[in-house]
Amino acid sequence: MLRPLSQTFDPAAYPDLLVGLQSPDDAAVWRLDESRALVLTTDFFTPVVDEPYDYGAIAAANSLSDIYAMGGTPVLALNIAALPPDLPPELSSEILRGGAEKCRAAGVVIAGGHTVTDKEPKYGLVALGFVDPRQMLTKAGARPGDRLLLSKPLGFGVTTTALKRQQAAKADVAEAVGWMQQLNRVAGELAVAHGLRAATDITGYSLLGHGWEMASASGAGLRLFYDQIPFITCARRYAEAWTFPGGASDNALFYTPHVRFAPRLDEAAQMLLFDPQTSGGLLLAVPPERLSALQAQAAERQQPLWEIGEVIPEEVIEVV
């Protein structure tokens, strides 16, 4: 599907395009000069929760996350919205308010946007930021021996699908929403401050999908310690009720050939690692000599960082 783009735009003809279609990264990066580059991304999706304000805030946090995953600082955004003509104006307004207030909390200005009508609501952002190319984070920077840290727990997809099926408890939804609304700002800032070179955010392709993108781009593999991977408290319960979104099966079909699971992990446990996340955390590859200083500063800034594995030489993902 993307072949016409890659055939039309030869990367060699655009030396200032540091990150584009030739690499599976989280945002495009265009060099302005030696110390500045633009980071540009866009993302939007249909509602994952019932409350319009929460939906808007989650969509905005999700869109800005791609900038943080590149080590950048977002500064400007444009709304992208598709709204049903019969949707009450007060609901549409709440979606936009949720996005606007989340952007303001991130220090980002929404300067406009574009809206069309559609049968199902869709909302997100075009987000623009800046990064120092010498400090840029990419998926290709992981090296064997690096430790893997994750900044948010997993289980959002299986929980929000339970909500759509009217099977989710209010407390469980509130827990998932609380995490999805959190910005990845501090995690991204810590990654840059401690000189990391590899990161990605965990979204629709799941931990294993985005983890494999990092491993493949780096010419390495990952070993994940299942018992150290954080999940929201209800994730296992909904996994056993099999409320996974359709994307989980797609992820499993596509990425399973690159994964080796320990025999003790049952199907529900495996599928939780293929669960699509909305506004998930950052996965950071941390050189071991920088680990303790990073963890100490993360604790000072009250930023959770779970150590969930390590980078290995063999190009495979082991889950043990």
C-alpha atoms as a PDB file:
ATOM      1  CA  MET A   1       0.000   0.000   0.000  1.00  0.00           C
ATOM      2  CA  LEU A   2       2.834   2.419   0.836  1.00  0.00           C
ATOM      3  CA  ARG A   3       5.014   1.400  -2.115  1.00  0.00           C
ATOM      4  CA  PRO A   4       3.892   4.346  -4.318  1.00  0.00           C
ATOM      5  CA  LEU A   5       5.122   6.753  -1.637  1.00  0.00           C
ATOM      6  CA  SER A   6       8.513   5.085  -1.267  1.00  0.00           C
ATOM      7  CA  GLN A   7       8.900   4.957  -5.062  1.00  0.00           C
ATOM      8  CA  THR A   8       8.022   8.643  -5.409  1.00  0.00           C
ATOM      9  CA  PHE A   9      10.169  10.007  -2.573  1.00  0.00           C
ATOM     10  CA  ASP A  10      13.696   8.589  -2.667  1.00  0.00           C
ATOM     11  CA  PRO A  11      15.249   9.167   0.798  1.00  0.00           C
ATOM     12  CA  ALA A  12      18.613   9.871  -0.832  1.00  0.00           C
ATOM     13  CA  ALA A  13      17.107  12.955  -2.474  1.00  0.00           C
ATOM     14  CA  TYR A  14      16.137  14.432   0.905  1.00  0.00           C
ATOM     15  CA  PRO A  15      19.232  14.437   3.150  1.00  0.00           C
ATOM     16  CA  ASP A  16      17.490  16.573   5.781  1.00  0.00           C
ATOM     17  CA  LEU A  17      14.759  13.959   6.243  1.00  0.00           C
ATOM     18  CA  LEU A  18      16.390  12.143   9.143  1.00  0.00           C
ATOM     19  CA  VAL A  19      13.441   9.835   9.837  1.00  0.00           C
ATOM     20  CA  GLY A  20      10.721   9.003   7.305  1.00  0.00           C
ATOM     21  CA  LEU A  21       9.152   6.133   5.406  1.00  0.00           C
ATOM     22  CA  GLN A  22      12.402   4.166   5.270  1.00  0.00           C
ATOM     23  CA  SER A  23      12.257   3.441   9.018  1.00  0.00           C
ATOM     24  CA  PRO A  24       9.391   2.259  11.284  1.00  0.00           C
ATOM     25  CA  ASP A  25       9.688   5.113  13.776  1.00  0.00           C
ATOM     26  CA  ASP A  26       7.080   7.055  15.731  1.00  0.00           C
ATOM     27  CA  ALA A  27       7.333  10.398  13.911  1.00  0.00           C
ATOM     28  CA  ALA A  28       8.987  12.073  10.942  1.00  0.00           C
ATOM     29  CA  VAL A  29      12.081  14.191  11.647  1.00  0.00           C
ATOM     30  CA  TRP A  30      13.357  17.003   9.388  1.00  0.00           C
ATOM     31  CA  ARG A  31      16.713  18.638  10.159  1.00  0.00           C
ATOM     32  CA  LEU A  32      16.748  22.442  10.320  1.00  0.00           C
ATOM     33  CA  ASP A  33      20.374  22.847  11.378  1.00  0.00           C
ATOM     34  CA  GLU A  34      23.015  21.091  13.439  1.00  0.00           C
ATOM     35  CA  SER A  35      21.128  21.437  16.727  1.00  0.00           C
ATOM     36  CA  ARG A  36      17.464  21.628  15.700  1.00  0.00           C
ATOM     37  CA  ALA A  37      15.052  19.380  13.855  1.00  0.00           C
ATOM     38  CA  LEU A  38      11.304  19.361  13.411  1.00  0.00           C
ATOM     39  CA  VAL A  39       9.366  16.333  14.678  1.00  0.00           C
ATOM     40  CA  LEU A  40       5.981  15.823  13.019  1.00  0.00           C
ATOM     41  CA  THR A  41       3.298  13.214  13.620  1.00  0.00           C
ATOM     42  CA  THR A  42      -0.445  12.646  13.353  1.00  0.00           C
ATOM     43  CA  ASP A  43      -2.853  10.213  14.958  1.00  0.00           C
ATOM     44  CA  PHE A  44      -6.613   9.946  15.455  1.00  0.00           C
ATOM     45  CA  PHE A  45      -9.096   7.205  16.297  1.00  0.00           C
ATOM     46  CA  THR A  46     -12.672   6.380  17.239  1.00  0.00           C
ATOM     47  CA  PRO A  47     -13.795   6.597  20.904  1.00  0.00           C
ATOM     48  CA  VAL A  48     -12.297   4.095  23.323  1.00  0.00           C
ATOM     49  CA  VAL A  49     -14.273   5.344  26.356  1.00  0.00           C
ATOM     50  CA  ASP A  50     -17.769   6.715  26.922  1.00  0.00           C
ATOM     51  CA  GLU A  51     -17.004  10.147  28.398  1.00  0.00           C
ATOM     52  CA  PRO A  52     -16.321  12.656  25.581  1.00  0.00           C
ATOM     53  CA  TYR A  53     -13.913  14.756  27.667  1.00  0.00           C
ATOM     54  CA  ASP A  54     -11.844  11.674  28.557  1.00  0.00           C
ATOM     55  CA  TYR A  55     -11.854  10.592  24.917  1.00  0.00           C
ATOM     56  CA  GLY A  56     -10.473  13.957  23.813  1.00  0.00           C
ATOM     57  CA  ALA A  57      -7.796  14.005  26.504  1.00  0.00           C
ATOM     58  CA  ILE A  58      -6.693  10.432  25.746  1.00  0.00           C
ATOM     59  CA  ALA A  59      -6.534  11.120  22.002  1.00  0.00           C
ATOM     60  CA  ALA A  60      -4.388  14.199  22.592  1.00  0.00           C
ATOM     61  CA  ALA A  61      -2.022  12.399  24.993  1.00  0.00           C
ATOM     62  CA  ASN A  62      -1.721   9.576  22.473  1.00  0.00           C
ATOM     63  CA  SER A  63      -0.857  11.957  19.626  1.00  0.00           C
ATOM     64  CA  LEU A  64       1.745  13.875  21.631  1.00  0.00           C
ATOM     65  CA  SER A  65       3.355  10.621  22.764  1.00  0.00           C
ATOM     66  CA  ASP A  66       5.000  10.117  19.366  1.00  0.00           C
ATOM     67  CA  ILE A  67       6.933  13.362  19.845  1.00  0.00           C
ATOM     68  CA  TYR A  68       8.134  12.272  23.284  1.00  0.00           C
ATOM     69  CA  ALA A  69       9.116   8.864  21.895  1.00  0.00           C
ATOM     70  CA  MET A  70      11.562  10.621  19.539  1.00  0.00           C
ATOM     71  CA  GLY A  71      13.103  12.607  22.385  1.00  0.00           C
ATOM     72  CA  GLY A  72      11.349  15.772  21.253  1.00  0.00           C
ATOM     73  CA  THR A  73       9.340  18.556  22.831  1.00  0.00           C
ATOM     74  CA  PRO A  74       5.892  19.197  21.292  1.00  0.00           C
ATOM     75  CA  VAL A  75       4.951  22.849  20.808  1.00  0.00           C
ATOM     76  CA  LEU A  76       2.098  23.116  18.308  1.00  0.00           C
ATOM     77  CA  ALA A  77      -0.900  21.025  17.271  1.00  0.00           C
ATOM     78  CA  LEU A  78      -3.868  21.017  14.913  1.00  0.00           C
ATOM     79  CA  ASN A  79      -7.143  19.237  15.634  1.00  0.00           C
ATOM     80  CA  ILE A  80      -8.376  16.477  13.330  1.00  0.00           C
ATOM     81  CA  ALA A  81     -12.038  15.681  13.926  1.00  0.00           C
ATOM     82  CA  ALA A  82     -14.781  13.740  12.173  1.00  0.00           C
ATOM     83  CA  LEU A  83     -18.086  14.257  13.956  1.00  0.00           C
ATOM     84  CA  PRO A  84     -21.584  12.913  13.228  1.00  0.00           C
ATOM     85  CA  PRO A  85     -24.020  15.687  12.281  1.00  0.00           C
ATOM     86  CA  ASP A  86     -26.518  14.405  14.853  1.00  0.00           C
ATOM     87  CA  LEU A  87     -24.004  14.374  17.722  1.00  0.00           C
ATOM     88  CA  PRO A  88     -25.164  16.943  20.302  1.00  0.00           C
ATOM     89  CA  PRO A  89     -22.921  20.035  20.130  1.00  0.00           C
ATOM     90  CA  GLU A  90     -22.162  19.847  23.838  1.00  0.00           C
ATOM     91  CA  LEU A  91     -20.600  16.388  23.349  1.00  0.00           C
ATOM     92  CA  SER A  92     -18.471  17.558  20.417  1.00  0.00           C
ATOM     93  CA  SER A  93     -17.390  20.526  22.497  1.00  0.00           C
ATOM     94  CA  GLU A  94     -16.338  18.260  25.369  1.00  0.00           C
ATOM     95  CA  ILE A  95     -14.168  16.138  23.055  1.00  0.00           C
ATOM     96  CA  LEU A  96     -12.352  19.256  21.853  1.00  0.00           C
ATOM     97  CA  ARG A  97     -12.087  20.634  25.398  1.00  0.00           C
ATOM     98  CA  GLY A  98     -10.500  17.419  26.625  1.00  0.00           C
ATOM     99  CA  GLY A  99      -7.907  17.588  23.869  1.00  0.00           C
ATOM    100  CA  ALA A 100      -7.273  21.296  24.411  1.00  0.00           C
ATOM    101  CA  GLU A 101      -6.740  21.019  28.157  1.00  0.00           C
ATOM    102  CA  LYS A 102      -4.395  18.061  27.749  1.00  0.00           C
ATOM    103  CA  CYS A 103      -2.365  20.025  25.212  1.00  0.00           C
ATOM    104  CA  ARG A 104      -2.240  23.044  27.511  1.00  0.00           C
ATOM    105  CA  ALA A 105      -0.929  20.813  30.307  1.00  0.00           C
ATOM    106  CA  ALA A 106       1.810  19.674  27.924  1.00  0.00           C
ATOM    107  CA  GLY A 107       2.749  23.239  27.009  1.00  0.00           C
ATOM    108  CA  VAL A 108       1.320  22.780  23.504  1.00  0.00           C
ATOM    109  CA  VAL A 109      -0.837  25.289  21.622  1.00  0.00           C
ATOM    110  CA  ILE A 110      -3.710  24.084  19.414  1.00  0.00           C
ATOM    111  CA  ALA A 111      -3.670  26.608  16.585  1.00  0.00           C
ATOM    112  CA  GLY A 112      -6.556  25.321  14.438  1.00  0.00           C
ATOM    113  CA  GLY A 113      -7.448  22.159  12.586  1.00  0.00           C
ATOM    114  CA  HIS A 114      -9.985  20.587  10.272  1.00  0.00           C
ATOM    115  CA  THR A 115     -13.363  18.958  10.872  1.00  0.00           C
ATOM    116  CA  VAL A 116     -15.565  16.854   8.609  1.00  0.00           C
ATOM    117  CA  THR A 117     -18.805  14.977   9.194  1.00  0.00           C
ATOM    118  CA  ASP A 118     -18.777  11.216   9.532  1.00  0.00           C
ATOM    119  CA  LYS A 119     -21.055   8.521  10.914  1.00  0.00           C
ATOM    120  CA  GLU A 120     -18.653   7.639  13.744  1.00  0.00           C
ATOM    121  CA  PRO A 121     -16.656  10.184  15.800  1.00  0.00           C
ATOM    122  CA  LYS A 122     -12.934  10.367  15.204  1.00  0.00           C
ATOM    123  CA  TYR A 123     -10.525  12.721  16.916  1.00  0.00           C
ATOM    124  CA  GLY A 124      -6.802  13.314  17.177  1.00  0.00           C
ATOM    125  CA  LEU A 125      -4.021  15.755  16.434  1.00  0.00           C
ATOM    126  CA  VAL A 126      -1.346  16.737  14.018  1.00  0.00           C
ATOM    127  CA  ALA A 127       1.505  17.463  16.431  1.00  0.00           C
ATOM    128  CA  LEU A 128       4.741  19.325  15.789  1.00  0.00           C
ATOM    129  CA  GLY A 129       7.770  19.633  18.035  1.00  0.00           C
ATOM    130  CA  PHE A 130      11.516  20.143  18.128  1.00  0.00           C
ATOM    131  CA  VAL A 131      14.392  17.797  18.872  1.00  0.00           C
ATOM    132  CA  ASP A 132      18.156  18.106  18.915  1.00  0.00           C
ATOM    133  CA  PRO A 133      19.234  15.583  16.225  1.00  0.00           C
ATOM    134  CA  ARG A 134      22.242  14.690  18.359  1.00  0.00           C
ATOM    135  CA  GLN A 135      19.917  13.573  21.171  1.00  0.00           C
ATOM    136  CA  MET A 136      17.167  12.006  19.066  1.00  0.00           C
ATOM    137  CA  LEU A 137      15.621   8.715  20.186  1.00  0.00           C
ATOM    138  CA  THR A 138      14.847   6.095  17.528  1.00  0.00           C
ATOM    139  CA  LYS A 139      13.862   2.449  17.449  1.00  0.00           C
ATOM    140  CA  ALA A 140      17.242   1.573  15.937  1.00  0.00           C
ATOM    141  CA  GLY A 141      19.406   2.578  18.907  1.00  0.00           C
ATOM    142  CA  ALA A 142      19.043  -0.472  21.184  1.00  0.00           C
ATOM    143  CA  ARG A 143      22.171  -2.538  21.862  1.00  0.00           C
ATOM    144  CA  PRO A 144      22.656  -5.980  23.460  1.00  0.00           C
ATOM    145  CA  GLY A 145      22.977  -5.589  27.207  1.00  0.00           C
ATOM    146  CA  ASP A 146      20.626  -2.593  27.399  1.00  0.00           C
ATOM    147  CA  ARG A 147      17.912  -2.892  30.025  1.00  0.00           C
ATOM    148  CA  LEU A 148      14.286  -2.408  28.978  1.00  0.00           C
ATOM    149  CA  LEU A 149      12.083  -0.047  30.991  1.00  0.00           C
ATOM    150  CA  LEU A 150       8.355   0.577  30.532  1.00  0.00           C
ATOM    151  CA  SER A 151       6.616   3.741  31.774  1.00  0.00           C
ATOM    152  CA  LYS A 152       2.963   2.575  31.875  1.00  0.00           C
ATOM    153  CA  PRO A 153       1.278  -0.756  32.601  1.00  0.00           C
ATOM    154  CA  LEU A 154      -0.528  -2.817  29.963  1.00  0.00           C
ATOM    155  CA  GLY A 155      -4.152  -3.915  29.664  1.00  0.00           C
ATOM    156  CA  PHE A 156      -5.918  -0.890  28.197  1.00  0.00           C
ATOM    157  CA  GLY A 157      -7.253  -2.618  25.074  1.00  0.00           C
ATOM    158  CA  VAL A 158      -8.781  -5.609  26.811  1.00  0.00           C
ATOM    159  CA  THR A 159     -10.396  -3.279  29.378  1.00  0.00           C
ATOM    160  CA  THR A 160     -11.859  -0.738  26.952  1.00  0.00           C
ATOM    161  CA  THR A 161     -13.257  -3.578  24.849  1.00  0.00           C
ATOM    162  CA  ALA A 162     -14.931  -4.942  27.985  1.00  0.00           C
ATOM    163  CA  LEU A 163     -16.433  -1.468  28.390  1.00  0.00           C
ATOM    164  CA  LYS A 164     -17.791  -1.562  24.826  1.00  0.00           C
ATOM    165  CA  ARG A 165     -19.381  -4.921  25.633  1.00  0.00           C
ATOM    166  CA  GLN A 166     -20.850  -3.500  28.852  1.00  0.00           C
ATOM    167  CA  GLN A 167     -18.815  -5.953  30.928  1.00  0.00           C
ATOM    168  CA  ALA A 168     -16.416  -3.527  32.637  1.00  0.00           C
ATOM    169  CA  ALA A 169     -16.647  -2.273  36.207  1.00  0.00           C
ATOM    170  CA  LYS A 170     -16.485   1.512  36.687  1.00  0.00           C
ATOM    171  CA  ALA A 171     -13.383   1.264  38.871  1.00  0.00           C
ATOM    172  CA  ASP A 172     -11.575  -0.725  36.194  1.00  0.00           C
ATOM    173  CA  VAL A 173     -12.439   1.824  33.502  1.00  0.00           C
ATOM    174  CA  ALA A 174     -11.321   4.654  35.775  1.00  0.00           C
ATOM    175  CA  GLU A 175      -7.960   2.959  36.327  1.00  0.00           C
ATOM    176  CA  ALA A 176      -7.392   2.511  32.581  1.00  0.00           C
ATOM    177  CA  VAL A 177      -8.534   6.062  31.785  1.00  0.00           C
ATOM    178  CA  GLY A 178      -6.219   7.496  34.426  1.00  0.00           C
ATOM    179  CA  TRP A 179      -3.208   5.853  32.829  1.00  0.00           C
ATOM    180  CA  MET A 180      -4.237   6.642  29.252  1.00  0.00           C
ATOM    181  CA  GLN A 181      -4.620  10.338  30.067  1.00  0.00           C
ATOM    182  CA  GLN A 182      -1.100  10.565  31.454  1.00  0.00           C
ATOM    183  CA  LEU A 183       1.462  12.263  29.239  1.00  0.00           C
ATOM    184  CA  ASN A 184       4.740  10.532  28.411  1.00  0.00           C
ATOM    185  CA  ARG A 185       6.445  13.891  28.900  1.00  0.00           C
ATOM    186  CA  VAL A 186       8.536  13.057  31.971  1.00  0.00           C
ATOM    187  CA  ALA A 187       9.625   9.656  30.627  1.00  0.00           C
ATOM    188  CA  GLY A 188      10.769  11.292  27.394  1.00  0.00           C
ATOM    189  CA  GLU A 189      12.615  14.061  29.222  1.00  0.00           C
ATOM    190  CA  LEU A 190      14.405  11.531  31.431  1.00  0.00           C
ATOM    191  CA  ALA A 191      15.435   9.492  28.394  1.00  0.00           C
ATOM    192  CA  VAL A 192      17.068  12.530  26.786  1.00  0.00           C
ATOM    193  CA  ALA A 193      18.635  13.774  30.022  1.00  0.00           C
ATOM    194  CA  HIS A 194      20.355  10.422  30.566  1.00  0.00           C
ATOM    195  CA  GLY A 195      21.634  10.109  27.012  1.00  0.00           C
ATOM    196  CA  LEU A 196      19.479   7.217  25.829  1.00  0.00           C
ATOM    197  CA  ARG A 197      19.326   6.448  22.125  1.00  0.00           C
ATOM    198  CA  ALA A 198      16.400   4.029  21.740  1.00  0.00           C
ATOM    199  CA  ALA A 199      12.709   4.359  22.602  1.00  0.00           C
ATOM    200  CA  THR A 200       9.242   3.757  21.226  1.00  0.00           C
ATOM    201  CA  ASP A 201       5.730   4.200  22.556  1.00  0.00           C
ATOM    202  CA  ILE A 202       3.492   1.181  23.005  1.00  0.00           C
ATOM    203  CA  THR A 203       0.257   1.678  21.091  1.00  0.00           C
ATOM    204  CA  GLY A 204      -1.785  -0.309  18.575  1.00  0.00           C
ATOM    205  CA  TYR A 205       0.797  -2.940  17.693  1.00  0.00           C
ATOM    206  CA  SER A 206       1.119  -3.981  21.365  1.00  0.00           C
ATOM    207  CA  LEU A 207       4.213  -4.448  23.492  1.00  0.00           C
ATOM    208  CA  LEU A 208       5.396  -7.347  21.341  1.00  0.00           C
ATOM    209  CA  GLY A 209       4.689  -5.591  18.047  1.00  0.00           C
ATOM    210  CA  HIS A 210       6.419  -2.341  18.902  1.00  0.00           C
ATOM    211  CA  GLY A 211       9.103  -4.295  20.751  1.00  0.00           C
ATOM    212  CA  TRP A 212       9.799  -6.285  17.598  1.00  0.00           C
ATOM    213  CA  GLU A 213      10.017  -3.050  15.584  1.00  0.00           C
ATOM    214  CA  MET A 214      12.710  -1.848  17.994  1.00  0.00           C
ATOM    215  CA  ALA A 215      14.530  -5.172  17.950  1.00  0.00           C
ATOM    216  CA  SER A 216      14.437  -5.499  14.165  1.00  0.00           C
ATOM    217  CA  ALA A 217      15.532  -1.905  13.545  1.00  0.00           C
ATOM    218  CA  SER A 218      18.414  -2.372  16.000  1.00  0.00           C
ATOM    219  CA  GLY A 219      19.530  -5.722  14.567  1.00  0.00           C
ATOM    220  CA  ALA A 220      19.003  -7.318  17.973  1.00  0.00           C
ATOM    221  CA  GLY A 221      16.384  -9.127  20.070  1.00  0.00           C
ATOM    222  CA  LEU A 222      14.553  -8.717  23.363  1.00  0.00           C
ATOM    223  CA  ARG A 223      14.213 -10.941  26.411  1.00  0.00           C
ATOM    224  CA  LEU A 224      11.126 -10.035  28.446  1.00  0.00           C
ATOM    225  CA  PHE A 225      10.543 -11.247  32.007  1.00  0.00           C
ATOM    226  CA  TYR A 226       6.799 -11.814  32.168  1.00  0.00           C
ATOM    227  CA  ASP A 227       6.512 -11.583  35.940  1.00  0.00           C
ATOM    228  CA  GLN A 228       8.103  -8.115  35.847  1.00  0.00           C
ATOM    229  CA  ILE A 229       5.736  -6.685  33.215  1.00  0.00           C
ATOM    230  CA  PRO A 230       3.137  -4.383  34.843  1.00  0.00           C
ATOM    231  CA  PHE A 231      -0.580  -4.756  34.105  1.00  0.00           C
ATOM    232  CA  ILE A 232      -3.524  -2.755  35.382  1.00  0.00           C
ATOM    233  CA  THR A 233      -5.301  -4.666  38.129  1.00  0.00           C
ATOM    234  CA  CYS A 234      -8.211  -5.921  35.996  1.00  0.00           C
ATOM    235  CA  ALA A 235      -6.242  -6.973  32.901  1.00  0.00           C
ATOM    236  CA  ARG A 236      -5.963 -10.683  33.674  1.00  0.00           C
ATOM    237  CA  ARG A 237      -9.650 -10.930  34.605  1.00  0.00           C
ATOM    238  CA  TYR A 238     -10.769  -9.443  31.295  1.00  0.00           C
ATOM    239  CA  ALA A 239      -8.207 -11.532  29.433  1.00  0.00           C
ATOM    240  CA  GLU A 240      -9.799 -14.665  30.872  1.00  0.00           C
ATOM    241  CA  ALA A 241     -13.206 -13.299  29.754  1.00  0.00           C
ATOM    242  CA  TRP A 242     -11.592 -12.857  26.306  1.00  0.00           C
ATOM    243  CA  THR A 243     -12.615  -9.246  25.763  1.00  0.00           C
ATOM    244  CA  PHE A 244      -9.649  -8.572  23.503  1.00  0.00           C
ATOM    245  CA  PRO A 245     -10.128  -6.120  20.623  1.00  0.00           C
ATOM    246  CA  GLY A 246      -9.800  -7.500  17.106  1.00  0.00           C
ATOM    247  CA  GLY A 247      -6.375  -5.907  16.766  1.00  0.00           C
ATOM    248  CA  ALA A 248      -4.958  -8.307  19.362  1.00  0.00           C
ATOM    249  CA  SER A 249      -5.580 -11.269  17.054  1.00  0.00           C
ATOM    250  CA  ASP A 250      -4.088  -9.338  14.132  1.00  0.00           C
ATOM    251  CA  ASN A 251      -1.002  -8.595  16.204  1.00  0.00           C
ATOM    252  CA  ALA A 252      -0.675 -12.219  17.276  1.00  0.00           C
ATOM    253  CA  LEU A 253      -1.004 -13.428  13.677  1.00  0.00           C
ATOM    254  CA  PHE A 254       1.657 -11.039  12.399  1.00  0.00           C
ATOM    255  CA  TYR A 255       4.228 -11.042  15.217  1.00  0.00           C
ATOM    256  CA  THR A 256       4.062 -14.590  16.658  1.00  0.00           C
ATOM    257  CA  PRO A 257       6.714 -15.887  14.201  1.00  0.00           C
ATOM    258  CA  HIS A 258       9.209 -13.564  15.927  1.00  0.00           C
ATOM    259  CA  VAL A 259       8.292 -14.553  19.512  1.00  0.00           C
ATOM    260  CA  ARG A 260       9.231 -17.497  21.757  1.00  0.00           C
ATOM    261  CA  PHE A 261       7.013 -17.919  24.821  1.00  0.00           C
ATOM    262  CA  ALA A 262       7.942 -19.911  27.908  1.00  0.00           C
ATOM    263  CA  PRO A 263       5.701 -23.028  28.093  1.00  0.00           C
ATOM    264  CA  ARG A 264       4.279 -21.881  31.465  1.00  0.00           C
ATOM    265  CA  LEU A 265       2.503 -18.897  29.860  1.00  0.00           C
ATOM    266  CA  ASP A 266      -1.086 -19.728  28.913  1.00  0.00           C
ATOM    267  CA  GLU A 267      -2.958 -18.223  25.969  1.00  0.00           C
ATOM    268  CA  ALA A 268      -4.499 -15.393  27.992  1.00  0.00           C
ATOM    269  CA  ALA A 269      -1.072 -14.363  29.304  1.00  0.00           C
ATOM    270  CA  GLN A 270       0.371 -14.406  25.800  1.00  0.00           C
ATOM    271  CA  MET A 271      -2.514 -12.408  24.332  1.00  0.00           C
ATOM    272  CA  LEU A 272      -2.093  -9.676  26.937  1.00  0.00           C
ATOM    273  CA  LEU A 273       1.272  -8.951  25.313  1.00  0.00           C
ATOM    274  CA  PHE A 274      -0.461  -8.636  21.912  1.00  0.00           C
ATOM    275  CA  ASP A 275      -3.157  -6.347  23.369  1.00  0.00           C
ATOM    276  CA  PRO A 276      -3.355  -3.032  21.448  1.00  0.00           C
ATOM    277  CA  GLN A 277      -2.755  -0.081  23.742  1.00  0.00           C
ATOM    278  CA  THR A 278      -4.156   3.426  23.373  1.00  0.00           C
ATOM    279  CA  SER A 279      -1.832   6.102  24.781  1.00  0.00           C
ATOM    280  CA  GLY A 280       0.480   3.462  26.215  1.00  0.00           C
ATOM    281  CA  GLY A 281       3.847   4.003  27.841  1.00  0.00           C
ATOM    282  CA  LEU A 282       7.337   4.462  26.466  1.00  0.00           C
ATOM    283  CA  LEU A 283       9.622   1.450  26.084  1.00  0.00           C
ATOM    284  CA  LEU A 284      13.186   2.605  26.775  1.00  0.00           C
ATOM    285  CA  ALA A 285      16.456   0.777  26.081  1.00  0.00           C
ATOM    286  CA  VAL A 286      18.877   1.824  28.820  1.00  0.00           C
ATOM    287  CA  PRO A 287      22.631   1.103  28.865  1.00  0.00           C
ATOM    288  CA  PRO A 288      23.317  -0.676  32.178  1.00  0.00           C
ATOM    289  CA  GLU A 289      25.777   1.967  33.380  1.00  0.00           C
ATOM    290  CA  ARG A 290      23.022   4.608  33.188  1.00  0.00           C
ATOM    291  CA  LEU A 291      20.255   2.538  34.776  1.00  0.00           C
ATOM    292  CA  SER A 292      20.595   3.454  38.467  1.00  0.00           C
ATOM    293  CA  ALA A 293      20.887   7.193  37.865  1.00  0.00           C
ATOM    294  CA  LEU A 294      17.869   7.129  35.578  1.00  0.00           C
ATOM    295  CA  GLN A 295      15.784   5.127  38.054  1.00  0.00           C
ATOM    296  CA  ALA A 296      16.770   7.441  40.902  1.00  0.00           C
ATOM    297  CA  GLN A 297      15.728  10.571  39.021  1.00  0.00           C
ATOM    298  CA  ALA A 298      12.511   8.887  37.854  1.00  0.00           C
ATOM    299  CA  ALA A 299      11.641   8.179  41.485  1.00  0.00           C
ATOM    300  CA  GLU A 300      12.325  11.815  42.391  1.00  0.00           C
ATOM    301  CA  ARG A 301       9.948  12.954  39.652  1.00  0.00           C
ATOM    302  CA  GLN A 302       7.360  10.283  40.592  1.00  0.00           C
ATOM    303  CA  GLN A 303       7.611   8.712  37.140  1.00  0.00           C
ATOM    304  CA  PRO A 304       7.042   4.939  37.215  1.00  0.00           C
ATOM    305  CA  LEU A 305       9.617   2.941  35.243  1.00  0.00           C
ATOM    306  CA  TRP A 306       9.342  -0.839  35.391  1.00  0.00           C
ATOM    307  CA  GLU A 307      12.379  -2.892  34.367  1.00  0.00           C
ATOM    308  CA  ILE A 308      10.864  -5.634  32.210  1.00  0.00           C
ATOM    309  CA  GLY A 309      13.744  -7.159  30.269  1.00  0.00           C
ATOM    310  CA  GLU A 310      16.943  -6.739  28.314  1.00  0.00           C
ATOM    311  CA  VAL A 311      18.264  -6.486  24.777  1.00  0.00           C
ATOM    312  CA  ILE A 312      19.923  -9.656  23.473  1.00  0.00           C
ATOM    313  CA  PRO A 313      22.033 -10.395  20.350  1.00  0.00           C
ATOM    314  CA  GLU A 314      19.674 -12.943  18.744  1.00  0.00           C
ATOM    315  CA  GLU A 315      16.958 -11.354  16.586  1.00  0.00           C
ATOM    316  CA  VAL A 316      13.950 -12.780  18.409  1.00  0.00           C
ATOM    317  CA  ILE A 317      11.700 -11.839  21.317  1.00  0.00           C
ATOM    318  CA  GLU A 318      11.917 -14.292  24.203  1.00  0.00           C
ATOM    319  CA  VAL A 319       9.214 -14.092  26.880  1.00  0.00           C
ATOM    320  CA  VAL A 320      10.333 -16.041  29.936  1.00  0.00           C
END
